[in-house]
Protein backbone atom coordinates (compact mmCIF):
# COMPACT_ATOMS: atom_id res chain seq x y z
CA UNK A 1 0.01 0.01 0.00
CA UNK A 2 1.02 3.61 -0.46
CA UNK A 3 1.09 5.94 2.53
CA UNK A 4 -2.21 7.53 1.53
CA UNK A 5 -3.82 4.10 1.10
CA UNK A 6 -2.50 3.12 4.52
CA UNK A 7 -4.00 6.18 6.21
CA UNK A 8 -7.32 5.60 4.45
CA UNK A 9 -7.21 1.96 5.60
CA UNK A 10 -6.72 3.06 9.22
CA UNK A 11 -9.55 5.59 9.04
CA UNK A 12 -11.93 3.19 7.32
CA UNK A 13 -11.34 0.15 9.54
CA UNK A 14 -10.74 1.59 12.97
CA UNK A 15 -13.00 3.79 15.18
CA UNK A 16 -11.54 7.30 15.20
CA UNK A 17 -12.48 9.52 18.18
CA UNK A 18 -11.87 12.88 16.54
CA UNK A 19 -14.34 11.91 13.78
CA UNK A 20 -17.13 10.08 15.66
CA UNK A 21 -16.52 10.92 19.31
CA UNK A 22 -17.50 8.75 22.26
CA UNK A 23 -18.34 5.70 20.14
CA UNK A 24 -14.61 5.30 19.40
CA UNK A 25 -13.57 5.40 23.05
CA UNK A 26 -12.57 2.07 24.59
CA UNK A 27 -13.07 2.13 28.37
CA UNK A 28 -10.34 -0.39 29.16
CA UNK A 29 -6.72 -1.13 28.33
CA UNK A 30 -7.21 -4.68 27.01
CA UNK A 31 -6.58 -3.91 23.33
CA UNK A 32 -3.55 -1.77 24.12
CA UNK A 33 -2.05 -4.47 26.37
CA UNK A 34 -2.68 -7.10 23.70
CA UNK A 35 -1.11 -4.90 21.03
CA UNK A 36 1.95 -4.16 23.18
CA UNK A 37 2.38 -7.86 23.90
CA UNK A 38 2.06 -8.63 20.17
CA UNK A 39 4.77 -6.04 19.45
CA UNK A 40 7.13 -7.40 22.11
CA UNK A 41 6.29 -4.83 24.76
CA UNK A 42 8.17 -1.89 23.23
CA UNK A 43 6.89 0.42 25.98
CA UNK A 44 9.37 -1.25 28.35
CA UNK A 45 12.37 -0.48 26.15
CA UNK A 46 12.66 3.29 26.76
CA UNK A 47 12.27 5.81 29.57
CA UNK A 48 9.28 8.13 29.48
CA UNK A 49 7.40 11.10 30.93
CA UNK A 50 3.59 10.85 31.02
CA UNK A 51 1.47 14.00 30.69
CA UNK A 52 -2.26 14.41 31.31
CA UNK A 53 -4.52 17.39 31.99
CA UNK A 54 -7.48 19.25 30.56
CA UNK A 55 -5.57 22.14 28.99
CA UNK A 56 -1.94 22.65 28.16
CA UNK A 57 -0.76 19.06 27.97
CA UNK A 58 0.27 19.41 24.31
CA UNK A 59 2.28 22.60 24.83
CA UNK A 60 3.77 21.16 28.00
CA UNK A 61 4.79 18.00 26.14
CA UNK A 62 6.49 19.99 23.41
CA UNK A 63 8.34 22.21 25.88
CA UNK A 64 9.64 19.23 27.84
CA UNK A 65 10.70 17.46 24.67
CA UNK A 66 12.55 20.57 23.50
CA UNK A 67 14.38 20.83 26.82
CA UNK A 68 15.42 17.17 26.69
CA UNK A 69 16.60 17.57 23.10
CA UNK A 70 18.61 20.63 24.12
CA UNK A 71 20.23 18.55 26.85
CA UNK A 72 21.41 16.08 24.21
CA UNK A 73 18.94 13.27 24.80
CA UNK A 74 17.40 11.44 21.85
CA UNK A 75 13.78 12.30 22.57
CA UNK A 76 10.56 10.75 21.39
CA UNK A 77 7.35 12.80 21.42
CA UNK A 78 3.83 11.38 21.11
CA UNK A 79 0.91 13.82 20.93
CA UNK A 80 -2.62 13.92 19.55
CA UNK A 81 -4.58 14.85 17.59
CA UNK A 82 -2.56 15.91 14.57
CA UNK A 83 -3.36 19.18 12.79
CA UNK A 84 -2.16 18.55 9.25
CA UNK A 85 -0.43 15.19 8.91
CA UNK A 86 -0.83 11.91 10.80
CA UNK A 87 2.94 11.69 11.26
CA UNK A 88 2.89 14.82 13.49
CA UNK A 89 1.75 12.52 16.29
CA UNK A 90 5.03 10.59 16.44
CA UNK A 91 8.38 12.42 16.42
CA UNK A 92 11.97 11.74 17.34
CA UNK A 93 14.09 14.85 18.02
CA UNK A 94 11.38 16.90 16.34
CA UNK A 95 11.34 14.88 13.11
CA UNK A 96 8.07 13.26 12.18
CA UNK A 97 7.91 9.48 11.78
CA UNK A 98 8.68 8.74 8.10
CA UNK A 99 5.59 7.89 6.05
CA UNK A 100 7.22 4.66 4.86
CA UNK A 101 7.57 3.54 8.48
CA UNK A 102 3.82 3.98 8.94
CA UNK A 103 3.20 1.81 5.86
CA UNK A 104 5.63 -0.86 7.07
CA UNK A 105 4.06 -0.97 10.56
CA UNK A 106 0.55 -1.43 9.23
CA UNK A 107 1.53 -4.04 6.66
CA UNK A 108 3.52 -6.02 9.25
CA UNK A 109 0.66 -6.01 11.72
CA UNK A 110 -2.40 -6.18 9.47
CA UNK A 111 -3.49 -9.71 10.58
CA UNK A 112 -3.49 -8.55 14.24
CA UNK A 113 -5.33 -5.31 13.34
CA UNK A 114 -8.04 -7.17 11.46
CA UNK A 115 -8.45 -9.80 14.19
CA UNK A 116 -8.47 -7.53 17.26
CA UNK A 117 -9.78 -4.33 15.61
CA UNK A 118 -8.18 -1.86 18.00
CA UNK A 119 -9.32 1.75 17.84
CA UNK A 120 -7.37 4.23 15.71
CA UNK A 121 -5.88 5.73 18.90
CA UNK A 122 -4.94 2.37 20.39
CA UNK A 123 -3.11 1.41 17.22
CA UNK A 124 -1.39 4.80 17.02
CA UNK A 125 -0.11 4.43 20.56
CA UNK A 126 1.30 1.00 19.74
CA UNK A 127 2.87 2.37 16.58
CA UNK A 128 4.53 5.18 18.56
CA UNK A 129 5.92 2.83 21.20
CA UNK A 130 7.23 0.45 18.53
CA UNK A 131 8.91 3.31 16.63
CA UNK A 132 10.50 4.79 19.76
CA UNK A 133 11.89 1.34 20.68
CA UNK A 134 13.26 0.86 17.17
CA UNK A 135 14.86 4.30 17.28
CA UNK A 136 16.33 3.55 20.72
CA UNK A 137 15.27 6.88 22.16
CA UNK A 138 16.71 7.88 25.51
CA UNK A 139 13.34 9.10 26.69
CA UNK A 140 9.90 9.74 25.25
CA UNK A 141 7.35 12.37 26.24
CA UNK A 142 3.92 10.74 26.06
CA UNK A 143 0.77 12.87 26.02
CA UNK A 144 -2.46 11.29 27.20
CA UNK A 145 -5.22 11.27 24.60
CA UNK A 146 -8.29 11.45 26.84
CA UNK A 147 -8.54 11.26 30.64
CA UNK A 148 -5.72 9.17 32.00
CA UNK A 149 -6.76 6.12 33.99
CA UNK A 150 -8.15 4.25 30.99
CA UNK A 151 -6.22 6.04 28.26
CA UNK A 152 -4.25 3.75 25.95
CA UNK A 153 -0.99 5.50 26.88
CA UNK A 154 -1.42 4.42 30.53
CA UNK A 155 0.63 1.24 30.13
CA UNK A 156 4.00 2.94 30.55
CA UNK A 157 6.10 3.19 33.70
CA UNK A 158 7.33 6.78 33.51
CA UNK A 159 10.18 8.61 35.27
CA UNK A 160 7.60 11.20 36.33
CA UNK A 161 3.90 11.83 35.76
CA UNK A 162 2.67 15.37 35.08
CA UNK A 163 -0.93 16.64 35.22
CA UNK A 164 -1.34 20.20 33.96
CA UNK A 165 -4.78 21.24 35.27
CA UNK A 166 -8.40 20.18 35.57
CA UNK A 167 -11.30 21.89 33.78
CA UNK A 168 -14.58 20.94 32.13
CA UNK A 169 -14.09 18.73 29.07
CA UNK A 170 -15.41 15.36 27.85
CA UNK A 171 -17.87 15.26 30.76
CA UNK A 172 -19.88 12.52 28.99
CA UNK A 173 -16.87 10.21 29.40
CA UNK A 174 -14.82 11.53 32.33
CA UNK A 175 -17.57 12.57 34.68
CA UNK A 176 -19.85 15.50 35.46
CA UNK A 177 -17.84 17.01 38.32
CA UNK A 178 -14.30 18.37 38.50
CA UNK A 179 -13.61 15.81 41.22
CA UNK A 180 -14.53 12.94 38.91
CA UNK A 181 -12.52 14.41 36.05
CA UNK A 182 -9.53 14.86 38.37
CA UNK A 183 -9.88 11.25 39.47
CA UNK A 184 -9.57 10.08 35.86
CA UNK A 185 -6.51 12.26 35.24
CA UNK A 186 -4.93 11.11 38.51
CA UNK A 187 -5.05 7.59 37.13
CA UNK A 188 -1.63 8.15 35.53
CA UNK A 189 0.03 8.46 38.98
CA UNK A 190 2.09 5.30 39.42
CA UNK A 191 3.54 3.48 42.42
CA UNK A 192 6.72 5.09 43.80
CA UNK A 193 6.81 7.46 40.82
CA UNK A 194 7.01 11.26 41.33
CA UNK A 195 3.92 13.16 40.22
CA UNK A 196 3.77 16.86 39.38
CA UNK A 197 0.57 18.93 39.24
CA UNK A 198 1.12 22.19 37.36
CA UNK A 199 -1.72 24.16 38.94
CA UNK A 200 -2.83 23.97 42.54
CA UNK A 201 -6.64 23.87 42.62
CA UNK A 202 -7.81 23.70 46.25
CA UNK A 203 -11.22 22.12 45.57
CA UNK A 204 -9.64 19.01 44.04
CA UNK A 205 -6.29 18.92 45.87
CA UNK A 206 -7.50 15.91 47.92
CA UNK A 207 -7.97 13.82 44.78
CA UNK A 208 -4.27 13.97 43.93
CA UNK A 209 -3.11 13.77 47.55
CA UNK A 210 -5.12 10.61 48.16
CA UNK A 211 -4.01 8.94 44.91
CA UNK A 212 -0.37 9.82 45.61
CA UNK A 213 -0.60 8.41 49.15
CA UNK A 214 -2.19 5.25 47.78
CA UNK A 215 0.68 4.82 45.31
CA UNK A 216 3.43 6.03 47.68
CA UNK A 217 4.25 8.60 45.01
CA UNK A 218 6.07 11.85 45.83
CA UNK A 219 3.70 14.71 44.93
CA UNK A 220 4.58 18.25 43.86
CA UNK A 221 2.05 21.06 43.27
CA UNK A 222 4.30 23.12 41.02
CA UNK A 223 2.55 26.44 41.49
CA UNK A 224 3.24 26.23 45.23
CA UNK A 225 6.98 26.19 44.59
CA UNK A 226 7.32 28.16 41.39
CA UNK A 227 6.07 31.63 40.41
CA UNK A 228 6.20 33.17 36.95
CA UNK A 229 6.42 36.90 36.31
CA UNK A 230 5.85 38.32 32.83
CA UNK A 231 8.52 40.90 31.98
CA UNK A 232 8.38 42.00 28.33
CA UNK A 233 6.86 41.07 24.99
CA UNK A 234 8.94 40.82 21.82
CA UNK A 235 7.35 40.18 18.42
CA UNK A 236 7.99 36.39 18.53
CA UNK A 237 8.50 35.66 22.23
CA UNK A 238 7.88 36.86 25.76
CA UNK A 239 10.40 37.27 28.59
CA UNK A 240 9.41 35.59 31.84
CA UNK A 241 11.16 35.52 35.21
CA UNK A 242 11.02 32.28 37.18
CA UNK A 243 11.04 32.31 40.98
CA UNK A 244 11.55 29.06 42.91
CA UNK A 245 10.88 29.11 46.65
CA UNK A 246 11.11 32.89 46.59
CA UNK A 247 14.44 32.98 44.74
CA UNK A 248 14.82 34.29 41.18
CA UNK A 249 16.44 31.36 39.35
CA UNK A 250 15.81 31.82 35.64
CA UNK A 251 14.77 34.26 32.95
CA UNK A 252 13.11 32.50 30.03
CA UNK A 253 12.27 33.62 26.53
CA UNK A 254 9.03 31.79 25.80
CA UNK A 255 8.43 30.99 22.15
CA UNK A 256 4.80 30.17 22.99
CA UNK A 257 2.94 33.44 23.43
CA UNK A 258 -0.35 32.47 25.06
CA UNK A 259 -0.91 33.75 28.59
CA UNK A 260 -1.82 30.22 29.67
CA UNK A 261 1.78 29.14 28.93
CA UNK A 262 2.83 30.89 32.14
CA UNK A 263 0.87 28.25 34.02
CA UNK A 264 2.17 25.42 31.86
CA UNK A 265 5.79 26.44 32.38
CA UNK A 266 5.54 25.95 36.17
CA UNK A 267 4.81 22.26 35.65
CA UNK A 268 7.59 22.04 33.07
CA UNK A 269 10.18 23.54 35.43
CA UNK A 270 9.09 21.34 38.37
CA UNK A 271 9.24 18.23 36.18
CA UNK A 272 12.77 19.12 35.08
CA UNK A 273 13.74 19.54 38.75
CA UNK A 274 12.39 16.06 39.46
CA UNK A 275 14.36 14.64 36.53
CA UNK A 276 17.50 16.34 37.85
CA UNK A 277 16.92 14.65 41.22
CA UNK A 278 16.76 11.37 39.33
CA UNK A 279 20.19 12.13 37.84
CA UNK A 280 19.15 13.25 34.38
CA UNK A 281 21.81 15.65 33.17
CA UNK A 282 19.84 18.81 32.42
CA UNK A 283 21.05 22.25 33.39
CA UNK A 284 19.43 25.65 33.31
CA UNK A 285 20.92 26.55 29.94
CA UNK A 286 19.11 23.56 28.46
CA UNK A 287 15.84 24.78 30.01
CA UNK A 288 16.40 28.24 28.51
CA UNK A 289 17.27 26.90 25.06
CA UNK A 290 14.40 24.44 24.97
CA UNK A 291 11.81 26.99 26.05
CA UNK A 292 13.10 29.61 23.58
CA UNK A 293 13.28 27.18 20.65
CA UNK A 294 10.28 24.92 21.28
CA UNK A 295 8.60 25.63 17.94
CA UNK A 296 11.77 25.05 15.90
CA UNK A 297 12.83 21.97 17.88
CA UNK A 298 9.48 20.18 17.98
CA UNK A 299 7.32 21.71 15.24
CA UNK A 300 4.49 22.80 17.52
CA UNK A 301 1.61 24.62 15.78
CA UNK A 302 -1.67 26.26 16.65
CA UNK A 303 -0.92 27.71 20.10
CA UNK A 304 -1.60 31.48 19.96
CA UNK A 305 0.01 31.36 16.55
CA UNK A 306 0.21 34.61 14.57
CA UNK A 307 -0.85 34.05 10.95
CA UNK A 308 -0.72 37.63 9.73
CA UNK A 309 -0.24 41.29 10.53
CA UNK A 310 -2.41 44.35 9.67
CA UNK A 311 -4.88 43.01 10.53
CA UNK A 312 -3.36 40.88 13.28
CA UNK A 313 -4.57 37.29 12.74
CA UNK A 314 -4.20 34.75 15.56
CA UNK A 315 -5.31 31.15 15.87
CA UNK A 316 -5.42 28.93 18.96
CA UNK A 317 -6.57 25.38 19.52
CA UNK A 318 -8.05 26.09 22.98
CA UNK A 319 -11.57 24.70 22.84
CA UNK A 320 -13.07 24.17 26.33
CA UNK A 321 -14.17 26.50 29.08
CA UNK A 322 -10.72 26.78 30.70
CA UNK A 323 -8.92 27.32 27.41
CA UNK A 324 -11.38 29.84 26.05
CA UNK A 325 -11.35 31.85 29.29
CA UNK A 326 -7.60 32.43 28.92
CA UNK A 327 -7.96 33.29 25.21
CA UNK A 328 -10.67 35.87 25.86
CA UNK A 329 -8.65 37.52 28.62
CA UNK A 330 -5.63 37.78 26.33
CA UNK A 331 -7.71 39.18 23.48
CA UNK A 332 -9.01 41.88 25.81
CA UNK A 333 -5.47 43.15 26.32
CA UNK A 334 -4.80 43.62 22.61
CA UNK A 335 -5.26 47.03 20.97
CA UNK A 336 -7.71 47.02 18.04
CA UNK A 337 -10.59 48.91 16.49
CA UNK A 338 -12.77 45.85 15.91
CA UNK A 339 -12.51 42.19 16.88
CA UNK A 340 -13.49 39.51 14.36
CA UNK A 341 -13.91 35.91 15.62
CA UNK A 342 -14.01 32.90 13.29
CA UNK A 343 -15.42 30.09 15.41
CA UNK A 344 -16.52 26.47 15.14
CA UNK A 345 -17.08 23.79 17.81
CA UNK A 346 -17.76 20.04 18.00
CA UNK A 347 -21.27 18.84 18.78
CA UNK A 348 -20.47 16.48 21.68
CA UNK A 349 -19.35 19.31 23.98
CA UNK A 350 -21.58 21.81 25.72
CA UNK A 351 -21.08 25.05 23.75
CA UNK A 352 -22.89 27.12 26.36
CA UNK A 353 -19.89 27.17 28.69
CA UNK A 354 -17.77 28.61 25.85
CA UNK A 355 -20.36 30.91 24.24
CA UNK A 356 -21.15 32.72 27.49
CA UNK A 357 -17.43 33.72 27.78
CA UNK A 358 -17.13 35.25 24.34
CA UNK A 359 -17.23 39.06 23.88
CA UNK A 360 -20.53 40.46 22.63
CA UNK A 361 -18.90 43.38 20.86
CA UNK A 362 -17.01 41.15 18.41
CA UNK A 363 -18.30 40.19 14.94
CA UNK A 364 -18.60 36.43 14.42
CA UNK A 365 -18.10 34.13 11.45
CA UNK A 366 -19.71 30.80 12.40
CA UNK A 367 -18.09 27.81 10.66
CA UNK A 368 -17.64 24.07 11.05
CA UNK A 369 -14.84 21.57 10.49
CA UNK A 370 -15.26 18.87 7.86
CA UNK A 371 -15.94 15.93 10.19
CA UNK A 372 -19.07 14.26 11.60
CA UNK A 373 -18.49 15.61 15.13
CA UNK A 374 -18.60 19.22 14.01
CA UNK A 375 -21.58 21.26 15.17
CA UNK A 376 -23.56 22.62 12.23
CA UNK A 377 -22.57 26.25 11.68
CA UNK A 378 -26.19 27.41 11.45
CA UNK A 379 -26.99 25.77 14.80
CA UNK A 380 -23.91 27.32 16.37
CA UNK A 381 -24.99 30.72 15.10
CA UNK A 382 -28.42 30.19 16.68
CA UNK A 383 -26.87 29.25 20.02
CA UNK A 384 -24.50 32.20 19.71
CA UNK A 385 -27.46 34.50 19.13
CA UNK A 386 -28.88 33.45 22.49
CA UNK A 387 -25.74 34.96 24.00
CA UNK A 388 -26.00 38.16 21.93
CA UNK A 389 -23.19 37.05 19.57
CA UNK A 390 -23.83 38.64 16.18
CA UNK A 391 -22.35 37.59 12.87
CA UNK A 392 -22.76 35.50 9.73
CA UNK A 393 -22.58 31.83 8.83
CA UNK A 394 -19.80 30.71 6.47
CA UNK A 395 -19.31 26.95 6.97
CA UNK A 396 -15.77 26.59 5.58
CA UNK A 397 -13.13 28.05 7.90
CA UNK A 398 -10.90 29.28 5.07
CA UNK A 399 -13.82 31.01 3.40
CA UNK A 400 -14.80 32.50 6.77
CA UNK A 401 -11.25 33.77 7.34
CA UNK A 402 -11.18 35.27 3.81
CA UNK A 403 -14.44 37.13 4.53
CA UNK A 404 -13.09 38.36 7.89
CA UNK A 405 -9.98 39.64 6.11
CA UNK A 406 -12.17 41.42 3.57
CA UNK A 407 -14.21 43.15 6.27
CA UNK A 408 -11.33 43.95 8.64
CA UNK A 409 -9.29 47.13 8.68
CA UNK A 410 -5.55 47.12 9.28
CA UNK A 411 -6.09 48.04 12.93
CA UNK A 412 -8.48 45.15 13.59
CA UNK A 413 -7.82 41.72 15.10
CA UNK A 414 -9.05 38.43 13.67
CA UNK A 415 -9.10 35.36 15.93
CA UNK A 416 -9.72 31.81 14.67
CA UNK A 417 -10.56 28.99 17.08
CA UNK A 418 -13.19 27.19 19.15
CA UNK A 419 -12.04 23.75 18.01
CA UNK A 420 -8.72 22.06 17.32
CA UNK A 421 -10.23 20.79 14.08
CA UNK A 422 -11.23 24.25 12.85
CA UNK A 423 -7.64 25.43 13.36
CA UNK A 424 -6.36 22.28 11.67
CA UNK A 425 -8.23 23.09 8.46
CA UNK A 426 -6.62 26.51 8.06
CA UNK A 427 -4.65 26.53 4.81
CA UNK A 428 -2.13 29.00 6.26
CA UNK A 429 -1.19 26.92 9.33
């Protein structure tokens, strides 16, 4: 098979969460364990860091991978979903898994795939583990797909587990309270393995404390030890001072410009400190280089990414209540004459939590991604109207962006987001 035929085979035969949602979710690890056994348990052949959380786990994963690369370690990186190409999910030292390797993996394991019929995500996890083992990586940064406890990635024994934060997302699967959601995320905390929580959230602190006690796992709430202080903005980065236990230890040049990255970086720094305690050779210059060069080193896209100037055009993959709250606050601090928002969402999430946060004085372009989970743009516009959000319906995101450009003056701002999949369809990304 060609690479394109291979990808079409995977999409056609295996349930894919980002296309059909909950129906693709497997609430146990049986298929993953069977796949790993079939592959010779590749997950046992490399060191790893495991990252969960509602928001920020992708950016956090990329920053940690960049730091490890800067320290000279051969570093695997597994993230999901991809924005443009399937191979974005699996990288070694920032380079995507070669397309031919994807073809070879599927062809070699087709009898198993057709017998067991793992989900698309389960198979992708196995593919990543197999590739990292073949490449003999020193360490791999593994991002959870959904939740944690029952996520397919939760078969590794990491050096450290990191949970970024807890917010409302996937409540139909993970639970209808923050405590239940936190319990699912806490499922990645392993016996005698350090666990880092990026953000201290007092209402759910007990969930992590109890799980860590149960597993005899050292627990660090990063934001209790580490403070970040924004200093200056440059066109392509922001300068941030890091304080640890009240002492100024680092000044970082963040390549990732979203305000929410200040929260993510606390968990990143604390995780590096844990790795240093475990005798990984990483010094502060590696932290500084990795944070400054994250985009170049790992190829991260879609996080407060500037697509154009005059008018300023920004896209961001934040898509739930917590992520949108940060985006709206950052938009408020920009200077502009008029704000244009190109927005689409998926239909298995409650849009009300997002819509009520959006500014009523912006002009909206309601769109939808080309996948079954996407909420119909007309319906989204109706729901937006109930929150006094005024605009027009243009289903295709690129057409919507073109219209926003046409209407905007040079002193306006255009924001594109609401869904990872809307951002992914941007031609300019």
